[in-house]
Amino acid sequence: MTETNRIEYKRELSDGLEKEVIAFLNYREGGIIYIGIDKEGNTYGLADADGDQLKIKDRLKNNIRPSALGLFDIVSEEREGKNILKIIVASGPEKPYHLKKYGMSEKGCFMRLGSAAEPMP
């Protein structure tokens, strides 16, 4: 399993999550983010998948503009006996999406290019 233009892996819940979600919202096809799997596809799992699921929902609700509510789904799955989270992100209809904190700037707007989230010019 490798990262693609529609799939992103995160070993753990990190500060860069909103950036990745914004990049998928701004991408024409959306994408999927797996939390608990590293870049090489190794499964590490999450100690508190239920708690992380609530944190993710709150972070995406509070930190992304325009609102991304209804454009993502967070699903708990088991892989290799470990709990992971799968965030399914739709392509948003109100592009460009951005970080509330930075507004529509290079620090706030991202788009998916290949397997990376890149700042929008």
N, C-alpha and C. Protein backbone atom coordinates (compact mmCIF):
# COMPACT_ATOMS: atom_id res chain seq x y z
N MET A 1 0.84 -1.19 0.00
CA MET A 1 0.00 0.00 0.00
C MET A 1 0.88 1.25 0.00
N THR A 2 0.69 2.08 -0.97
CA THR A 2 1.46 3.32 -1.02
C THR A 2 0.50 4.51 -1.15
N GLU A 3 1.01 5.68 -0.81
CA GLU A 3 0.20 6.89 -0.96
C GLU A 3 0.01 7.20 -2.44
N THR A 4 -1.15 7.77 -2.74
CA THR A 4 -1.45 8.16 -4.12
C THR A 4 -2.07 9.56 -4.09
N ASN A 5 -2.56 9.99 -5.23
CA ASN A 5 -3.23 11.29 -5.28
C ASN A 5 -4.54 11.29 -4.50
N ARG A 6 -5.07 10.10 -4.16
CA ARG A 6 -6.34 10.02 -3.42
C ARG A 6 -6.21 9.35 -2.06
N ILE A 7 -5.02 8.89 -1.69
CA ILE A 7 -4.84 8.19 -0.40
C ILE A 7 -3.65 8.77 0.35
N GLU A 8 -3.87 9.07 1.64
CA GLU A 8 -2.83 9.61 2.52
C GLU A 8 -2.79 8.76 3.78
N TYR A 9 -1.57 8.46 4.27
CA TYR A 9 -1.40 7.71 5.51
C TYR A 9 -0.78 8.59 6.58
N LYS A 10 -1.28 8.46 7.80
CA LYS A 10 -0.72 9.15 8.97
C LYS A 10 -0.55 8.12 10.07
N ARG A 11 0.66 8.02 10.61
CA ARG A 11 0.90 7.05 11.68
C ARG A 11 0.07 7.38 12.92
N GLU A 12 -0.08 8.69 13.18
CA GLU A 12 -0.85 9.12 14.35
C GLU A 12 -1.56 10.43 14.03
N LEU A 13 -2.46 10.80 14.90
CA LEU A 13 -3.17 12.06 14.74
C LEU A 13 -2.17 13.19 14.96
N SER A 14 -2.01 14.07 13.96
CA SER A 14 -0.99 15.11 14.03
C SER A 14 -1.58 16.48 13.72
N ASP A 15 -0.74 17.51 13.91
CA ASP A 15 -1.17 18.88 13.65
C ASP A 15 -1.49 19.15 12.19
N GLY A 16 -0.95 18.36 11.27
CA GLY A 16 -1.14 18.61 9.85
C GLY A 16 -2.41 18.03 9.26
N LEU A 17 -3.28 17.48 10.09
CA LEU A 17 -4.47 16.81 9.56
C LEU A 17 -5.36 17.75 8.75
N GLU A 18 -5.63 18.94 9.28
CA GLU A 18 -6.51 19.88 8.57
C GLU A 18 -5.96 20.22 7.19
N LYS A 19 -4.64 20.38 7.09
CA LYS A 19 -4.00 20.68 5.81
C LYS A 19 -4.32 19.60 4.78
N GLU A 20 -4.22 18.33 5.20
CA GLU A 20 -4.49 17.22 4.28
C GLU A 20 -5.97 17.18 3.88
N VAL A 21 -6.85 17.42 4.84
CA VAL A 21 -8.29 17.43 4.53
C VAL A 21 -8.62 18.56 3.56
N ILE A 22 -8.05 19.74 3.80
CA ILE A 22 -8.28 20.88 2.90
C ILE A 22 -7.79 20.56 1.49
N ALA A 23 -6.63 19.92 1.38
CA ALA A 23 -6.10 19.56 0.06
C ALA A 23 -7.07 18.64 -0.68
N PHE A 24 -7.68 17.69 0.04
CA PHE A 24 -8.66 16.80 -0.60
C PHE A 24 -9.97 17.53 -0.91
N LEU A 25 -10.40 18.43 -0.04
CA LEU A 25 -11.61 19.21 -0.32
C LEU A 25 -11.43 20.04 -1.60
N ASN A 26 -10.22 20.55 -1.80
CA ASN A 26 -9.92 21.38 -2.98
C ASN A 26 -9.57 20.56 -4.22
N TYR A 27 -9.40 19.24 -4.05
CA TYR A 27 -9.05 18.35 -5.16
C TYR A 27 -10.33 17.92 -5.88
N ARG A 28 -10.26 17.68 -7.16
CA ARG A 28 -11.46 17.38 -7.94
C ARG A 28 -12.15 16.07 -7.57
N GLU A 29 -11.42 15.14 -6.90
CA GLU A 29 -12.00 13.83 -6.59
C GLU A 29 -12.10 13.54 -5.09
N GLY A 30 -11.66 14.45 -4.21
CA GLY A 30 -11.63 14.14 -2.79
C GLY A 30 -10.55 13.11 -2.50
N GLY A 31 -10.65 12.41 -1.38
CA GLY A 31 -9.65 11.41 -1.04
C GLY A 31 -9.92 10.74 0.29
N ILE A 32 -8.99 9.87 0.69
CA ILE A 32 -9.11 9.10 1.93
C ILE A 32 -7.83 9.24 2.74
N ILE A 33 -7.98 9.51 4.04
CA ILE A 33 -6.85 9.60 4.95
C ILE A 33 -6.99 8.47 5.97
N TYR A 34 -5.93 7.67 6.10
CA TYR A 34 -5.90 6.60 7.11
C TYR A 34 -5.03 7.05 8.26
N ILE A 35 -5.57 7.02 9.49
CA ILE A 35 -4.81 7.35 10.69
C ILE A 35 -4.50 6.05 11.41
N GLY A 36 -3.21 5.81 11.70
CA GLY A 36 -2.78 4.57 12.35
C GLY A 36 -1.97 3.69 11.41
N ILE A 37 -1.67 4.22 10.21
CA ILE A 37 -0.85 3.52 9.22
C ILE A 37 0.24 4.48 8.77
N ASP A 38 1.50 4.01 8.72
CA ASP A 38 2.59 4.91 8.33
C ASP A 38 2.73 5.00 6.81
N LYS A 39 3.64 5.86 6.36
CA LYS A 39 3.83 6.14 4.92
C LYS A 39 4.17 4.89 4.10
N GLU A 40 4.78 3.88 4.77
CA GLU A 40 5.14 2.65 4.07
C GLU A 40 3.99 1.63 4.06
N GLY A 41 2.88 1.97 4.71
CA GLY A 41 1.74 1.06 4.74
C GLY A 41 1.72 0.12 5.93
N ASN A 42 2.64 0.31 6.91
CA ASN A 42 2.66 -0.53 8.11
C ASN A 42 1.57 -0.07 9.07
N THR A 43 0.85 -1.03 9.65
CA THR A 43 -0.24 -0.71 10.57
C THR A 43 0.29 -0.59 12.00
N TYR A 44 0.06 0.56 12.62
CA TYR A 44 0.44 0.79 14.02
C TYR A 44 -0.78 0.82 14.92
N GLY A 45 -1.91 1.20 14.39
CA GLY A 45 -3.13 1.28 15.18
C GLY A 45 -3.16 2.51 16.07
N LEU A 46 -4.30 2.69 16.72
CA LEU A 46 -4.52 3.83 17.61
C LEU A 46 -4.97 3.31 18.97
N ALA A 47 -4.41 3.87 20.04
CA ALA A 47 -4.77 3.44 21.39
C ALA A 47 -6.21 3.83 21.73
N ASP A 48 -6.66 5.00 21.26
CA ASP A 48 -7.99 5.50 21.59
C ASP A 48 -8.69 5.99 20.32
N ALA A 49 -9.06 5.04 19.46
CA ALA A 49 -9.68 5.40 18.18
C ALA A 49 -10.98 6.18 18.37
N ASP A 50 -11.78 5.81 19.37
CA ASP A 50 -13.05 6.52 19.60
C ASP A 50 -12.80 7.96 20.01
N GLY A 51 -11.85 8.17 20.93
CA GLY A 51 -11.51 9.53 21.36
C GLY A 51 -10.93 10.35 20.23
N ASP A 52 -10.06 9.71 19.43
CA ASP A 52 -9.46 10.40 18.28
C ASP A 52 -10.52 10.79 17.26
N GLN A 53 -11.52 9.93 17.09
CA GLN A 53 -12.59 10.22 16.14
C GLN A 53 -13.32 11.51 16.53
N LEU A 54 -13.61 11.68 17.81
CA LEU A 54 -14.27 12.90 18.28
C LEU A 54 -13.38 14.12 18.12
N LYS A 55 -12.08 13.97 18.41
CA LYS A 55 -11.13 15.08 18.25
C LYS A 55 -11.07 15.53 16.80
N ILE A 56 -11.02 14.56 15.89
CA ILE A 56 -10.93 14.87 14.46
C ILE A 56 -12.17 15.66 14.02
N LYS A 57 -13.34 15.17 14.39
CA LYS A 57 -14.59 15.84 14.01
C LYS A 57 -14.59 17.29 14.49
N ASP A 58 -14.21 17.50 15.75
CA ASP A 58 -14.18 18.86 16.29
C ASP A 58 -13.15 19.74 15.59
N ARG A 59 -11.96 19.19 15.33
CA ARG A 59 -10.92 19.97 14.65
C ARG A 59 -11.35 20.38 13.25
N LEU A 60 -11.93 19.46 12.50
CA LEU A 60 -12.35 19.78 11.14
C LEU A 60 -13.51 20.77 11.14
N LYS A 61 -14.41 20.62 12.09
CA LYS A 61 -15.55 21.54 12.21
C LYS A 61 -15.11 22.95 12.56
N ASN A 62 -14.13 23.08 13.44
CA ASN A 62 -13.73 24.39 13.96
C ASN A 62 -12.62 25.09 13.18
N ASN A 63 -11.83 24.36 12.40
CA ASN A 63 -10.63 24.95 11.80
C ASN A 63 -10.66 25.12 10.29
N ILE A 64 -11.71 24.67 9.62
CA ILE A 64 -11.77 24.74 8.15
C ILE A 64 -12.93 25.64 7.73
N ARG A 65 -12.63 26.53 6.76
CA ARG A 65 -13.65 27.41 6.18
C ARG A 65 -13.58 27.33 4.67
N PRO A 66 -14.69 27.44 3.93
CA PRO A 66 -16.05 27.35 4.44
C PRO A 66 -16.26 26.01 5.15
N SER A 67 -17.37 25.86 5.83
CA SER A 67 -17.63 24.66 6.63
C SER A 67 -17.50 23.39 5.78
N ALA A 68 -16.83 22.39 6.37
CA ALA A 68 -16.67 21.10 5.71
C ALA A 68 -17.67 20.07 6.23
N LEU A 69 -18.59 20.50 7.10
CA LEU A 69 -19.57 19.56 7.64
C LEU A 69 -20.38 18.94 6.51
N GLY A 70 -20.55 17.63 6.58
CA GLY A 70 -21.27 16.91 5.54
C GLY A 70 -20.38 16.48 4.38
N LEU A 71 -19.12 16.92 4.38
CA LEU A 71 -18.20 16.59 3.28
C LEU A 71 -17.15 15.56 3.69
N PHE A 72 -17.20 15.10 4.95
CA PHE A 72 -16.27 14.06 5.38
C PHE A 72 -16.99 13.07 6.28
N ASP A 73 -16.46 11.86 6.32
CA ASP A 73 -16.98 10.82 7.20
C ASP A 73 -15.79 10.16 7.86
N ILE A 74 -15.92 9.83 9.14
CA ILE A 74 -14.83 9.19 9.88
C ILE A 74 -15.31 7.81 10.30
N VAL A 75 -14.59 6.78 9.85
CA VAL A 75 -14.99 5.40 10.09
C VAL A 75 -13.88 4.69 10.85
N SER A 76 -14.26 3.95 11.90
CA SER A 76 -13.31 3.14 12.64
C SER A 76 -13.24 1.77 11.97
N GLU A 77 -12.02 1.29 11.71
CA GLU A 77 -11.84 -0.02 11.08
C GLU A 77 -10.77 -0.80 11.83
N GLU A 78 -10.78 -2.11 11.64
CA GLU A 78 -9.74 -2.95 12.22
C GLU A 78 -8.88 -3.49 11.09
N ARG A 79 -7.57 -3.38 11.28
CA ARG A 79 -6.62 -3.89 10.29
C ARG A 79 -5.49 -4.58 11.05
N GLU A 80 -5.23 -5.81 10.70
CA GLU A 80 -4.19 -6.61 11.36
C GLU A 80 -4.40 -6.62 12.88
N GLY A 81 -5.67 -6.66 13.31
CA GLY A 81 -6.00 -6.72 14.73
C GLY A 81 -5.84 -5.40 15.46
N LYS A 82 -5.62 -4.31 14.74
CA LYS A 82 -5.42 -2.99 15.36
C LYS A 82 -6.48 -2.02 14.85
N ASN A 83 -6.88 -1.09 15.72
CA ASN A 83 -7.88 -0.09 15.35
C ASN A 83 -7.23 1.06 14.59
N ILE A 84 -7.82 1.41 13.46
CA ILE A 84 -7.38 2.57 12.68
C ILE A 84 -8.61 3.42 12.36
N LEU A 85 -8.37 4.62 11.89
CA LEU A 85 -9.47 5.48 11.44
C LEU A 85 -9.30 5.80 9.96
N LYS A 86 -10.42 5.82 9.27
CA LYS A 86 -10.44 6.16 7.84
C LYS A 86 -11.30 7.41 7.70
N ILE A 87 -10.71 8.47 7.17
CA ILE A 87 -11.45 9.72 6.94
C ILE A 87 -11.70 9.83 5.44
N ILE A 88 -12.95 9.78 5.07
CA ILE A 88 -13.33 9.87 3.66
C ILE A 88 -13.75 11.31 3.40
N VAL A 89 -13.02 11.97 2.49
CA VAL A 89 -13.24 13.40 2.22
C VAL A 89 -13.77 13.56 0.80
N ALA A 90 -14.91 14.23 0.68
CA ALA A 90 -15.48 14.51 -0.64
C ALA A 90 -14.82 15.76 -1.22
N SER A 91 -14.93 15.92 -2.52
CA SER A 91 -14.51 17.17 -3.15
C SER A 91 -15.56 18.21 -2.78
N GLY A 92 -15.12 19.33 -2.24
CA GLY A 92 -16.06 20.35 -1.77
C GLY A 92 -16.62 21.22 -2.89
N PRO A 93 -17.87 21.66 -2.75
CA PRO A 93 -18.49 22.50 -3.77
C PRO A 93 -18.18 23.99 -3.63
N GLU A 94 -17.58 24.41 -2.49
CA GLU A 94 -17.33 25.84 -2.24
C GLU A 94 -15.84 26.17 -2.22
N LYS A 95 -15.09 25.67 -3.17
CA LYS A 95 -13.65 25.90 -3.22
C LYS A 95 -13.32 27.38 -3.37
N PRO A 96 -12.21 27.87 -2.88
CA PRO A 96 -11.18 27.11 -2.15
C PRO A 96 -11.48 27.05 -0.65
N TYR A 97 -11.19 25.87 -0.07
CA TYR A 97 -11.28 25.68 1.38
C TYR A 97 -9.95 26.11 1.97
N HIS A 98 -9.97 26.55 3.23
CA HIS A 98 -8.74 27.05 3.84
C HIS A 98 -8.79 26.91 5.36
N LEU A 99 -7.61 27.04 5.98
CA LEU A 99 -7.52 27.05 7.43
C LEU A 99 -8.09 28.36 7.95
N LYS A 100 -9.00 28.28 8.88
CA LYS A 100 -9.63 29.48 9.46
C LYS A 100 -8.56 30.43 9.99
N LYS A 101 -7.54 29.89 10.64
CA LYS A 101 -6.48 30.67 11.28
C LYS A 101 -5.69 31.54 10.30
N TYR A 102 -5.46 31.03 9.07
CA TYR A 102 -4.62 31.74 8.10
C TYR A 102 -5.39 32.35 6.94
N GLY A 103 -6.66 32.03 6.81
CA GLY A 103 -7.44 32.58 5.71
C GLY A 103 -6.95 32.08 4.36
N MET A 104 -7.28 32.84 3.32
CA MET A 104 -6.93 32.42 1.96
C MET A 104 -5.53 32.91 1.61
N SER A 105 -4.53 32.28 2.25
CA SER A 105 -3.13 32.60 1.99
C SER A 105 -2.39 31.30 1.71
N GLU A 106 -1.09 31.39 1.40
CA GLU A 106 -0.31 30.17 1.15
C GLU A 106 -0.23 29.28 2.38
N LYS A 107 -0.34 29.88 3.57
CA LYS A 107 -0.33 29.09 4.81
C LYS A 107 -1.69 28.47 5.10
N GLY A 108 -2.72 28.93 4.40
CA GLY A 108 -4.07 28.47 4.70
C GLY A 108 -4.74 27.63 3.63
N CYS A 109 -4.34 27.78 2.36
CA CYS A 109 -4.98 27.06 1.24
C CYS A 109 -4.04 25.99 0.69
N PHE A 110 -4.58 24.79 0.50
CA PHE A 110 -3.77 23.68 -0.02
C PHE A 110 -4.56 22.91 -1.06
N MET A 111 -3.81 22.27 -1.96
CA MET A 111 -4.43 21.38 -2.94
C MET A 111 -3.58 20.13 -3.09
N ARG A 112 -4.18 19.06 -3.53
CA ARG A 112 -3.49 17.79 -3.68
C ARG A 112 -2.78 17.77 -5.02
N LEU A 113 -1.46 17.55 -4.96
CA LEU A 113 -0.65 17.38 -6.17
C LEU A 113 0.13 16.08 -6.01
N GLY A 114 -0.22 15.07 -6.79
CA GLY A 114 0.40 13.76 -6.62
C GLY A 114 0.03 13.21 -5.25
N SER A 115 1.04 12.83 -4.46
CA SER A 115 0.77 12.27 -3.13
C SER A 115 1.05 13.28 -2.02
N ALA A 116 1.01 14.58 -2.34
CA ALA A 116 1.33 15.61 -1.34
C ALA A 116 0.29 16.73 -1.33
N ALA A 117 0.17 17.37 -0.17
CA ALA A 117 -0.66 18.57 -0.04
C ALA A 117 0.26 19.76 -0.23
N GLU A 118 0.02 20.55 -1.27
CA GLU A 118 0.88 21.68 -1.60
C GLU A 118 0.12 23.00 -1.41
N PRO A 119 0.84 24.07 -1.00
CA PRO A 119 0.19 25.38 -0.87
C PRO A 119 -0.35 25.85 -2.21
N MET A 120 -1.52 26.46 -2.17
CA MET A 120 -2.09 27.03 -3.41
C MET A 120 -1.45 28.39 -3.65
N PRO A 121 -1.07 28.68 -4.88
CA PRO A 121 -0.44 29.98 -5.17
C PRO A 121 -1.44 31.12 -5.10
